[in-house]
Protein backbone atom coordinates (compact mmCIF):
# COMPACT_ATOMS: atom_id res chain seq x y z
CA MET A 1 -177.49 -158.27 -90.70
CA ASP A 2 -176.46 -157.85 -94.27
CA ASP A 3 -173.15 -158.46 -95.90
CA ASP A 4 -171.87 -155.53 -97.92
CA GLY A 5 -169.28 -157.47 -99.91
CA ASP A 6 -166.29 -155.17 -100.39
CA PHE A 7 -166.36 -153.36 -97.03
CA PRO A 8 -163.52 -151.28 -95.54
CA SER A 9 -161.49 -153.07 -92.87
CA ILE A 10 -162.32 -152.33 -89.27
CA SER A 11 -158.73 -151.18 -88.65
CA GLN A 12 -158.93 -148.67 -91.52
CA ILE A 13 -162.24 -147.32 -90.25
CA ILE A 14 -160.79 -146.89 -86.75
CA ARG A 15 -157.76 -145.07 -88.21
CA ASP A 16 -160.04 -142.76 -90.18
CA LEU A 17 -162.14 -142.02 -87.10
CA ALA A 18 -159.05 -141.37 -84.97
CA ALA A 19 -157.78 -138.90 -87.57
CA ARG A 20 -160.79 -136.65 -86.95
CA GLU A 21 -160.75 -133.94 -84.31
CA SER A 22 -163.78 -135.56 -82.70
CA VAL A 23 -166.56 -137.95 -83.63
CA SER A 24 -169.96 -138.70 -82.12
CA ILE A 25 -171.16 -142.19 -81.28
CA GLY A 26 -173.94 -141.67 -83.81
CA GLU A 27 -171.39 -140.90 -86.53
CA ILE A 28 -169.49 -144.07 -85.62
CA VAL A 29 -172.69 -146.10 -86.02
CA GLU A 30 -173.29 -144.49 -89.42
CA VAL A 31 -169.74 -145.14 -90.63
CA PHE A 32 -169.92 -148.85 -89.80
CA GLY A 33 -173.21 -149.16 -91.67
CA THR A 34 -174.94 -152.54 -91.79
CA ARG A 35 -172.11 -154.12 -89.82
CA ALA A 36 -172.47 -151.64 -86.97
CA PHE A 37 -173.46 -154.19 -84.32
CA GLY A 38 -170.32 -156.29 -84.65
CA ALA A 39 -168.11 -153.24 -85.05
CA LEU A 40 -169.54 -151.46 -82.01
CA LEU A 41 -169.28 -154.52 -79.78
CA PHE A 42 -165.65 -154.76 -80.87
CA PHE A 43 -165.11 -150.99 -80.56
CA PHE A 44 -166.34 -150.68 -76.98
CA ALA A 45 -164.97 -153.99 -75.69
CA LEU A 46 -161.34 -153.96 -76.85
CA PRO A 47 -160.09 -150.86 -74.95
CA ASN A 48 -160.92 -152.68 -71.71
CA LEU A 49 -157.92 -154.92 -72.38
CA LEU A 50 -155.61 -151.96 -71.72
CA PRO A 51 -154.78 -150.28 -68.38
CA LEU A 52 -157.53 -147.71 -67.91
CA PRO A 53 -158.53 -145.35 -65.07
CA PRO A 54 -160.90 -146.81 -62.45
CA GLY A 55 -164.49 -146.78 -63.62
CA SER A 56 -163.60 -146.85 -67.32
CA SER A 57 -164.97 -150.37 -67.75
CA THR A 58 -168.34 -149.15 -66.48
CA ILE A 59 -168.39 -146.27 -68.97
CA LEU A 60 -167.34 -148.46 -71.88
CA GLY A 61 -169.60 -151.29 -70.78
CA ALA A 62 -172.78 -149.19 -70.73
CA PRO A 63 -173.13 -149.05 -74.55
CA LEU A 64 -172.47 -152.80 -74.66
CA LEU A 65 -175.40 -153.36 -72.31
CA LEU A 66 -177.57 -151.44 -74.76
CA LEU A 67 -176.23 -153.03 -77.95
CA ALA A 68 -175.87 -156.72 -77.06
CA PRO A 69 -179.56 -157.23 -76.11
CA GLN A 70 -180.52 -155.71 -79.48
CA VAL A 71 -178.39 -158.36 -81.22
CA ALA A 72 -180.14 -160.98 -79.07
CA MET A 73 -183.55 -159.65 -80.16
CA GLY A 74 -182.60 -159.60 -83.85
CA VAL A 75 -182.93 -155.82 -84.23
CA ALA A 76 -181.90 -154.75 -87.74
CA ALA A 77 -179.95 -151.60 -86.84
CA PRO A 78 -178.49 -150.30 -83.58
CA TRP A 79 -180.52 -147.90 -81.47
CA LEU A 80 -178.91 -145.76 -78.81
CA PRO A 81 -180.45 -143.04 -76.62
CA ARG A 82 -179.82 -139.53 -77.94
CA ALA A 83 -177.61 -138.77 -74.93
CA VAL A 84 -175.31 -141.63 -76.00
CA ASP A 85 -175.72 -141.03 -79.73
CA ASP A 86 -174.64 -137.38 -79.43
CA ARG A 87 -171.70 -138.04 -77.13
CA ARG A 88 -168.45 -137.03 -78.81
CA LEU A 89 -165.09 -138.75 -78.54
CA ALA A 90 -161.83 -136.96 -79.28
CA GLY A 91 -159.78 -138.43 -82.10
CA ALA A 92 -156.70 -138.24 -79.87
CA ASP A 93 -158.46 -140.41 -77.28
CA LEU A 94 -159.29 -142.99 -79.94
CA SER A 95 -155.64 -143.03 -81.03
CA ARG A 96 -154.54 -143.66 -77.46
CA ALA A 97 -157.17 -146.35 -76.90
CA PHE A 98 -156.49 -148.29 -80.10
CA GLY A 99 -152.89 -147.38 -80.93
CA ARG A 100 -151.44 -150.49 -79.29
CA LEU A 101 -154.27 -152.71 -80.50
CA LEU A 102 -154.33 -151.79 -84.19
CA PRO A 103 -151.26 -153.85 -85.19
CA TRP A 104 -152.89 -156.94 -83.66
CA ILE A 105 -156.23 -156.15 -85.29
CA GLU A 106 -154.52 -155.89 -88.68
CA ARG A 107 -152.80 -159.26 -88.17
CA PHE A 108 -156.12 -160.94 -87.44
CA GLU A 109 -157.74 -159.23 -90.44
CA LYS A 110 -155.11 -160.80 -92.71
CA ILE A 111 -156.09 -164.32 -91.68
CA SER A 112 -159.82 -163.64 -91.43
CA ARG A 113 -162.34 -164.40 -94.17
CA PRO A 114 -166.07 -165.14 -94.38
CA ARG A 115 -166.68 -168.80 -93.43
CA MET A 116 -169.03 -171.07 -91.47
CA ALA A 117 -172.01 -168.97 -92.56
CA PRO A 118 -174.60 -171.02 -90.57
CA LEU A 119 -173.12 -169.59 -87.37
CA PHE A 120 -174.47 -166.21 -88.48
CA SER A 121 -178.03 -167.29 -89.14
CA PRO A 122 -180.62 -165.11 -87.35
CA TRP A 123 -180.68 -167.53 -84.41
CA GLY A 124 -176.91 -167.87 -84.42
CA GLU A 125 -176.53 -164.12 -84.08
CA ARG A 126 -179.13 -164.04 -81.32
CA VAL A 127 -177.17 -166.59 -79.30
CA ILE A 128 -174.08 -164.42 -79.68
CA GLY A 129 -176.13 -161.43 -78.52
CA VAL A 130 -177.33 -163.25 -75.40
CA LEU A 131 -173.78 -164.25 -74.46
CA CYS A 132 -172.44 -160.74 -75.10
CA ALA A 133 -175.22 -159.22 -72.97
CA ALA A 134 -174.34 -161.51 -70.05
CA LEU A 135 -170.63 -160.76 -70.44
CA ALA A 136 -171.31 -157.01 -70.67
CA PHE A 137 -173.05 -157.19 -67.31
CA VAL A 138 -169.99 -158.90 -65.81
CA LEU A 139 -167.76 -156.34 -67.51
CA ILE A 140 -169.25 -153.37 -65.67
CA LEU A 141 -168.94 -154.99 -62.24
CA PRO A 142 -166.10 -153.58 -60.09
CA ILE A 143 -164.10 -156.83 -60.07
CA PRO A 144 -160.29 -156.36 -60.13
CA LEU A 145 -159.05 -157.71 -63.49
CA GLY A 146 -162.49 -159.26 -63.90
CA ASN A 147 -163.18 -157.27 -67.05
CA LEU A 148 -160.32 -158.66 -69.15
CA LEU A 149 -161.74 -162.01 -70.27
CA PRO A 150 -165.31 -160.75 -70.80
CA ALA A 151 -163.95 -157.81 -72.83
CA LEU A 152 -161.80 -160.12 -74.95
CA THR A 153 -164.73 -162.48 -75.53
CA ILE A 154 -167.11 -159.69 -76.57
CA GLY A 155 -164.39 -158.25 -78.80
CA VAL A 156 -163.86 -161.60 -80.52
CA PHE A 157 -167.61 -162.06 -81.03
CA GLY A 158 -167.87 -158.51 -82.40
CA PHE A 159 -164.98 -159.14 -84.78
CA SER A 160 -166.60 -162.37 -85.96
CA LEU A 161 -169.89 -160.57 -86.68
CA PHE A 162 -168.12 -157.79 -88.57
CA GLN A 163 -165.92 -160.15 -90.59
CA ARG A 164 -168.60 -162.89 -90.91
CA ASP A 165 -165.85 -165.27 -89.82
CA GLY A 166 -167.17 -168.38 -88.09
CA LEU A 167 -163.72 -169.40 -86.87
CA PHE A 168 -163.64 -166.32 -84.64
CA ALA A 169 -167.21 -167.04 -83.55
CA VAL A 170 -166.09 -170.50 -82.41
CA ALA A 171 -163.19 -168.87 -80.55
CA GLY A 172 -165.74 -166.57 -78.92
CA TYR A 173 -167.82 -169.53 -77.76
CA VAL A 174 -164.72 -171.17 -76.26
CA LEU A 175 -163.79 -167.95 -74.46
CA ALA A 176 -167.38 -167.53 -73.26
CA GLY A 177 -167.32 -171.03 -71.78
CA PHE A 178 -164.02 -170.31 -70.08
CA SER A 179 -165.39 -166.99 -68.77
CA GLY A 180 -168.42 -168.76 -67.35
CA PHE A 181 -166.24 -171.38 -65.68
CA LEU A 182 -164.02 -168.74 -64.05
CA LEU A 183 -167.08 -166.78 -62.95
CA TYR A 184 -168.50 -169.94 -61.37
CA LEU A 185 -165.24 -170.53 -59.50
CA ALA A 186 -165.12 -166.92 -58.32
CA ALA A 187 -168.73 -167.05 -57.14
CA ASP A 188 -168.05 -170.34 -55.34
CA VAL A 189 -165.08 -168.80 -53.52
CA VAL A 190 -167.10 -165.72 -52.53
CA ILE A 191 -170.05 -167.80 -51.30
CA GLY A 192 -167.70 -170.07 -49.38
CA GLY A 193 -166.04 -167.06 -47.78
CA VAL A 194 -169.39 -165.59 -46.77
CA ARG A 195 -170.45 -168.90 -45.22
CA LEU A 196 -167.21 -169.12 -43.23
CA LEU A 197 -167.69 -165.56 -42.02
CA LEU A 198 -171.30 -166.22 -40.99
CA ASN A 199 -170.30 -169.42 -39.20
CA TRP A 200 -167.53 -167.56 -37.39
CA LEU A 201 -169.89 -164.76 -36.38
CA SER A 202 -172.57 -167.17 -35.20
CA GLY A 203 -170.02 -169.02 -33.09
CA ALA A 204 -168.49 -165.87 -31.63
């Protein structure tokens, strides 16, 4: 993934997109250019941090399931099925989704700068892609509040790829580890509950 040097900020691009009457996913990919992977991971992950109607995480997570594996495979540019590519989003919906997030995004942009370049070597980016793919799978599962930490982690990784900022990549790795730990605890509780239920049924 190339570095374009003087590239518009992600917050400015989002504002410009939200000012349109509508925009297709394909147009969003084109606007973000060579940094589309990081931007799109960020773009589809962050709205999951806000209160959304039931099922929204599945809708927003589907593109992540398509994009993250491509990062893991080292694909040069994003590919999306035509049905996804042609899907249009209303500018008003983008304003609602990102309105409360943009001030925070701008704060992080002010402290962000390209650093720790080795973390964005081809293999470094592939590791990020693998983690984002796993988290995207968790994101679409119907787990109450279970989408928050995976969404935040994918968003941080996406931001790090877009900004080429290794400090945010490190933060993403920490969040990914924490997400995995919580997922392990949740799975352990569920398995324990199932075992108790089976023992109770077998003894009934």
